[in-house]
N, C-alpha and C. Protein backbone atom coordinates (compact mmCIF):
# COMPACT_ATOMS: atom_id res chain seq x y z
N UNK A 1 14.00 0.82 -8.69
CA UNK A 1 14.47 -0.32 -7.83
C UNK A 1 13.39 -0.98 -6.93
N UNK A 2 13.01 -2.24 -7.52
CA UNK A 2 11.90 -2.69 -6.72
C UNK A 2 12.03 -2.81 -5.28
N UNK A 3 13.14 -3.39 -4.96
CA UNK A 3 13.28 -3.55 -3.49
C UNK A 3 13.16 -2.25 -2.77
N UNK A 4 13.81 -1.16 -3.20
CA UNK A 4 13.87 0.21 -2.90
C UNK A 4 12.33 0.89 -2.76
N UNK A 5 11.72 0.26 -3.57
CA UNK A 5 10.34 0.79 -3.72
C UNK A 5 9.19 0.40 -2.50
N UNK A 6 9.69 -0.82 -2.22
CA UNK A 6 8.71 -1.83 -0.92
C UNK A 6 9.29 -1.26 0.18
N UNK A 7 10.78 -0.43 0.38
CA UNK A 7 11.17 -0.06 1.52
C UNK A 7 10.53 1.38 1.23
N UNK A 8 10.39 2.05 0.25
CA UNK A 8 9.53 3.70 0.30
C UNK A 8 8.27 3.34 1.04
N UNK A 9 7.37 2.18 0.55
CA UNK A 9 6.42 1.96 0.70
C UNK A 9 6.29 1.77 2.21
N UNK A 10 7.00 0.95 2.81
CA UNK A 10 6.71 0.58 4.13
C UNK A 10 6.86 1.60 5.04
N UNK A 11 7.96 2.67 4.84
CA UNK A 11 7.98 3.84 5.39
C UNK A 11 6.82 4.98 5.27
N UNK A 12 6.10 4.87 4.19
CA UNK A 12 4.88 5.62 3.82
C UNK A 12 3.84 4.97 4.94
N UNK A 13 3.45 3.65 4.52
CA UNK A 13 2.55 3.38 5.55
C UNK A 13 2.88 3.37 6.99
N UNK A 14 4.51 3.48 7.40
CA UNK A 14 4.15 3.28 8.83
C UNK A 14 3.82 5.34 9.16
N UNK A 15 3.99 5.96 8.34
CA UNK A 15 3.95 7.37 8.44
C UNK A 15 2.49 7.75 8.48
N UNK A 16 2.05 6.73 7.79
CA UNK A 16 0.29 6.87 7.76
C UNK A 16 -0.48 6.32 9.09
N UNK A 17 0.25 5.13 9.54
CA UNK A 17 -0.04 4.90 10.53
C UNK A 17 -0.08 5.47 11.83
N UNK A 18 1.10 6.00 12.11
CA UNK A 18 1.99 7.11 12.91
C UNK A 18 0.69 8.65 12.61
N UNK A 19 0.22 8.56 11.86
CA UNK A 19 -0.34 10.24 11.91
C UNK A 19 0.66 11.03 11.27
N UNK A 20 1.76 10.45 10.84
CA UNK A 20 3.11 11.33 10.28
C UNK A 20 2.61 12.03 8.80
N UNK A 21 1.54 11.05 8.40
CA UNK A 21 1.33 11.66 7.22
C UNK A 21 -0.11 11.39 6.52
N UNK A 22 -0.34 12.07 5.60
CA UNK A 22 -2.03 12.33 5.21
C UNK A 22 -1.99 11.43 4.39
N UNK A 23 -3.61 10.53 4.11
CA UNK A 23 -4.19 9.87 3.22
C UNK A 23 -3.49 10.11 2.01
N UNK A 24 -3.66 11.57 1.52
CA UNK A 24 -3.30 11.52 0.32
C UNK A 24 -1.97 11.32 -0.22
N UNK A 25 -0.86 11.95 0.70
CA UNK A 25 0.53 11.64 0.65
C UNK A 25 0.65 10.29 0.55
N UNK A 26 0.49 9.23 1.22
CA UNK A 26 0.18 8.00 0.90
C UNK A 26 -0.29 7.62 -0.80
N UNK A 27 -1.44 8.03 -0.62
CA UNK A 27 -2.04 7.36 -1.82
C UNK A 27 -1.02 7.75 -3.20
N UNK A 28 -0.59 8.97 -3.25
CA UNK A 28 -0.08 9.69 -4.18
C UNK A 28 1.53 8.33 -4.00
N UNK A 29 2.07 8.23 -3.12
CA UNK A 29 3.25 7.43 -3.25
C UNK A 29 3.11 6.08 -3.44
N UNK A 30 1.88 5.39 -3.00
CA UNK A 30 1.38 4.17 -3.40
C UNK A 30 1.49 3.89 -4.59
N UNK A 31 0.95 4.92 -5.56
CA UNK A 31 0.26 4.85 -7.01
C UNK A 31 1.48 4.84 -7.84
N UNK A 32 2.76 5.43 -7.16
CA UNK A 32 3.64 5.77 -7.98
C UNK A 32 4.65 5.01 -8.23
N UNK A 33 4.57 3.68 -7.70
CA UNK A 33 5.82 2.78 -7.76
C UNK A 33 5.54 2.00 -8.75
N UNK A 34 5.75 2.45 -10.26
CA UNK A 34 5.39 1.38 -11.04
C UNK A 34 6.78 0.60 -11.43
N UNK A 35 8.01 0.95 -11.43
CA UNK A 35 9.23 0.05 -11.38
C UNK A 35 8.86 -1.31 -10.43
N UNK A 36 7.94 -1.42 -9.15
CA UNK A 36 7.67 -2.42 -8.43
C UNK A 36 6.78 -2.81 -9.23
N UNK A 37 5.37 -2.53 -9.64
CA UNK A 37 4.43 -2.65 -10.54
C UNK A 37 5.05 -3.62 -11.52
N UNK A 38 6.25 -3.45 -12.28
CA UNK A 38 6.38 -4.03 -13.34
C UNK A 38 7.47 -5.31 -13.17
N UNK A 39 7.85 -5.71 -11.88
CA UNK A 39 8.41 -6.29 -11.40
C UNK A 39 7.99 -7.81 -11.04
N UNK A 40 6.71 -7.33 -10.78
CA UNK A 40 6.40 -8.51 -9.91
C UNK A 40 4.52 -8.86 -11.31
N UNK A 41 4.04 -9.58 -10.65
CA UNK A 41 3.05 -10.54 -11.56
C UNK A 41 1.74 -9.24 -11.72
N UNK A 42 1.10 -9.29 -12.33
CA UNK A 42 0.02 -8.39 -12.89
C UNK A 42 -1.10 -8.12 -11.74
N UNK A 43 -1.03 -9.48 -10.72
CA UNK A 43 -1.77 -9.33 -9.81
C UNK A 43 -2.09 -9.15 -8.65
N UNK A 44 -0.59 -8.42 -8.56
CA UNK A 44 0.19 -7.57 -7.08
C UNK A 44 -0.54 -6.23 -7.25
N UNK A 45 -0.03 -5.29 -8.86
CA UNK A 45 -0.80 -4.06 -9.11
C UNK A 45 -2.20 -4.09 -8.71
N UNK A 46 -2.84 -5.20 -9.37
CA UNK A 46 -4.73 -5.24 -9.28
C UNK A 46 -4.84 -5.09 -7.96
N UNK A 47 -4.30 -5.81 -7.15
CA UNK A 47 -4.60 -6.06 -5.42
C UNK A 47 -4.52 -4.91 -4.97
N UNK A 48 -3.09 -4.38 -4.98
CA UNK A 48 -2.52 -3.41 -4.76
C UNK A 48 -3.36 -1.94 -4.67
N UNK A 49 -3.83 -1.69 -5.60
CA UNK A 49 -4.58 -0.46 -6.52
C UNK A 49 -6.07 -0.66 -6.04
N UNK A 50 -6.50 -1.81 -5.56
CA UNK A 50 -7.98 -1.94 -5.22
C UNK A 50 -8.23 -1.49 -3.56
N UNK A 51 -6.78 -2.37 -2.84
CA UNK A 51 -6.62 -1.46 -1.63
C UNK A 51 -6.65 0.09 -1.27
N UNK A 52 -5.48 0.41 -2.41
CA UNK A 52 -5.33 1.87 -2.03
C UNK A 52 -6.55 2.56 -2.71
N UNK A 53 -7.25 2.36 -3.38
CA UNK A 53 -8.76 2.86 -4.08
C UNK A 53 -9.84 3.06 -2.26
N UNK A 54 -9.84 1.63 -1.93
CA UNK A 54 -10.55 2.02 -0.71
C UNK A 54 -9.85 2.36 0.43
N UNK A 55 -8.42 2.44 0.97
CA UNK A 55 -8.30 3.81 1.40
C UNK A 55 -8.24 4.94 1.45
N UNK A 56 -8.45 5.05 0.02
CA UNK A 56 -8.71 6.66 -0.20
C UNK A 56 -10.49 6.95 -0.65
N UNK A 57 -11.10 6.15 -0.37
CA UNK A 57 -12.41 5.98 -0.10
C UNK A 57 -13.14 6.50 1.21
N UNK A 58 -12.33 5.23 2.23
CA UNK A 58 -12.38 5.89 3.35
C UNK A 58 -11.90 6.64 4.42
N UNK A 59 -10.97 7.63 3.80
CA UNK A 59 -10.45 9.05 3.99
C UNK A 59 -11.62 9.99 4.27
N UNK A 60 -12.59 9.80 3.36
CA UNK A 60 -13.72 10.47 3.41
C UNK A 60 -14.64 10.47 4.81
N UNK A 61 -13.93 9.39 5.28
CA UNK A 61 -14.96 8.72 7.01
C UNK A 61 -14.10 9.43 8.06
N UNK A 62 -14.60 10.14 9.03
CA UNK A 62 -13.79 10.50 9.50
C UNK A 62 -13.25 9.63 11.27
N UNK A 63 -14.29 8.77 10.93
CA UNK A 63 -13.66 7.27 11.90
C UNK A 63 -14.33 6.26 11.23
N UNK A 64 -13.86 5.02 11.93
CA UNK A 64 -14.39 3.58 11.32
C UNK A 64 -15.35 3.61 11.20
N UNK A 65 -16.05 3.35 9.99
CA UNK A 65 -17.23 3.39 9.21
C UNK A 65 -17.44 1.50 9.19
N UNK A 66 -18.83 1.09 9.28
CA UNK A 66 -19.29 0.19 9.12
C UNK A 66 -18.96 -0.53 7.38
N UNK A 67 -18.54 0.18 6.72
CA UNK A 67 -17.94 -0.32 5.37
C UNK A 67 -16.60 -0.17 4.96
N UNK A 68 -15.62 0.70 5.88
CA UNK A 68 -14.45 0.63 5.48
C UNK A 68 -13.51 0.59 7.24
N UNK A 69 -12.73 -0.30 6.93
CA UNK A 69 -11.99 0.05 8.50
C UNK A 69 -10.61 0.44 8.18
N UNK A 70 -10.10 1.51 8.32
CA UNK A 70 -9.05 2.11 7.83
C UNK A 70 -7.72 1.21 8.32
N UNK A 71 -7.64 0.45 9.54
CA UNK A 71 -6.98 -0.34 10.27
C UNK A 71 -6.66 -1.73 9.57
N UNK A 72 -8.07 -1.92 9.31
CA UNK A 72 -7.82 -3.34 8.58
C UNK A 72 -7.07 -3.21 7.25
N UNK A 73 -7.64 -2.24 6.73
CA UNK A 73 -6.65 -1.94 5.06
C UNK A 73 -5.50 -1.50 4.92
N UNK A 74 -4.80 -0.94 6.39
CA UNK A 74 -3.62 -0.56 6.42
C UNK A 74 -2.73 -2.07 6.84
N UNK A 75 -3.71 -2.79 7.28
CA UNK A 75 -2.76 -4.13 7.95
C UNK A 75 -2.60 -4.97 6.39
N UNK A 76 -3.96 -4.95 5.42
CA UNK A 76 -3.89 -5.49 4.20
C UNK A 76 -2.73 -5.22 3.42
N UNK A 77 -2.88 -3.75 3.13
CA UNK A 77 -1.58 -3.24 2.49
C UNK A 77 -0.17 -3.66 3.27
N UNK A 78 0.00 -4.00 4.17
CA UNK A 78 1.15 -4.46 4.92
C UNK A 78 1.33 -5.67 4.57
N UNK A 79 0.27 -6.74 4.42
CA UNK A 79 0.47 -8.15 3.99
C UNK A 79 0.85 -8.30 2.69
N UNK A 80 0.25 -7.14 1.78
CA UNK A 80 0.66 -7.28 0.23
C UNK A 80 1.96 -6.84 0.31
N UNK A 81 2.82 -5.88 0.77
CA UNK A 81 4.09 -5.72 0.97
C UNK A 81 4.71 -6.93 1.17
N UNK A 82 4.56 -7.53 2.43
CA UNK A 82 5.41 -8.75 2.55
C UNK A 82 5.49 -9.64 1.51
N UNK A 83 4.30 -10.20 1.07
CA UNK A 83 4.00 -11.14 -0.37
C UNK A 83 4.76 -10.27 -1.62
N UNK A 84 5.05 -9.16 -2.01
CA UNK A 84 5.50 -8.68 -2.72
C UNK A 84 7.15 -8.94 -2.53
N UNK A 85 7.52 -8.48 -1.09
CA UNK A 85 8.94 -8.59 -1.11
C UNK A 85 9.35 -10.18 -1.11
N UNK A 86 8.60 -11.03 -0.69
CA UNK A 86 8.86 -12.64 -0.63
C UNK A 86 8.65 -13.11 -1.90
N UNK A 87 7.95 -12.27 -3.09
CA UNK A 87 8.10 -12.72 -4.47
C UNK A 87 9.34 -12.51 -4.97
N UNK A 88 10.20 -11.26 -4.52
CA UNK A 88 11.00 -10.48 -5.60
C UNK A 88 12.17 -11.22 -4.80
N UNK A 89 12.20 -12.26 -3.88
CA UNK A 89 13.54 -12.22 -2.99
C UNK A 89 13.36 -13.82 -3.50
N UNK A 90 12.44 -14.44 -3.78
CA UNK A 90 12.36 -15.67 -4.59
C UNK A 90 12.74 -15.83 -5.74
N UNK A 91 12.65 -14.79 -6.64
CA UNK A 91 12.82 -14.24 -7.68
C UNK A 91 14.66 -14.36 -8.01
N UNK A 92 15.07 -13.83 -7.11
CA UNK A 92 16.53 -13.80 -7.06
C UNK A 92 17.63 -14.62 -6.97
């Protein structure tokens, strides 16, 4: 169910922000939401997975680097979730 997938992703994102989850665990959860991807326009999956790829790459750095800001990536992921939820709500 797409709405449940958004809740799952919000929980996983919060856990990552609070250091309660690893980047790898979040990435795995973030890529596994096929029901959500199918319920939204293809652009959502493209943008979402692009951000997840960047997050995965940023995990190689131990601190904020000039090319990857993990905080900004997490903020952008949260923004995409907000837009996805709004799209799903508007569709119902």
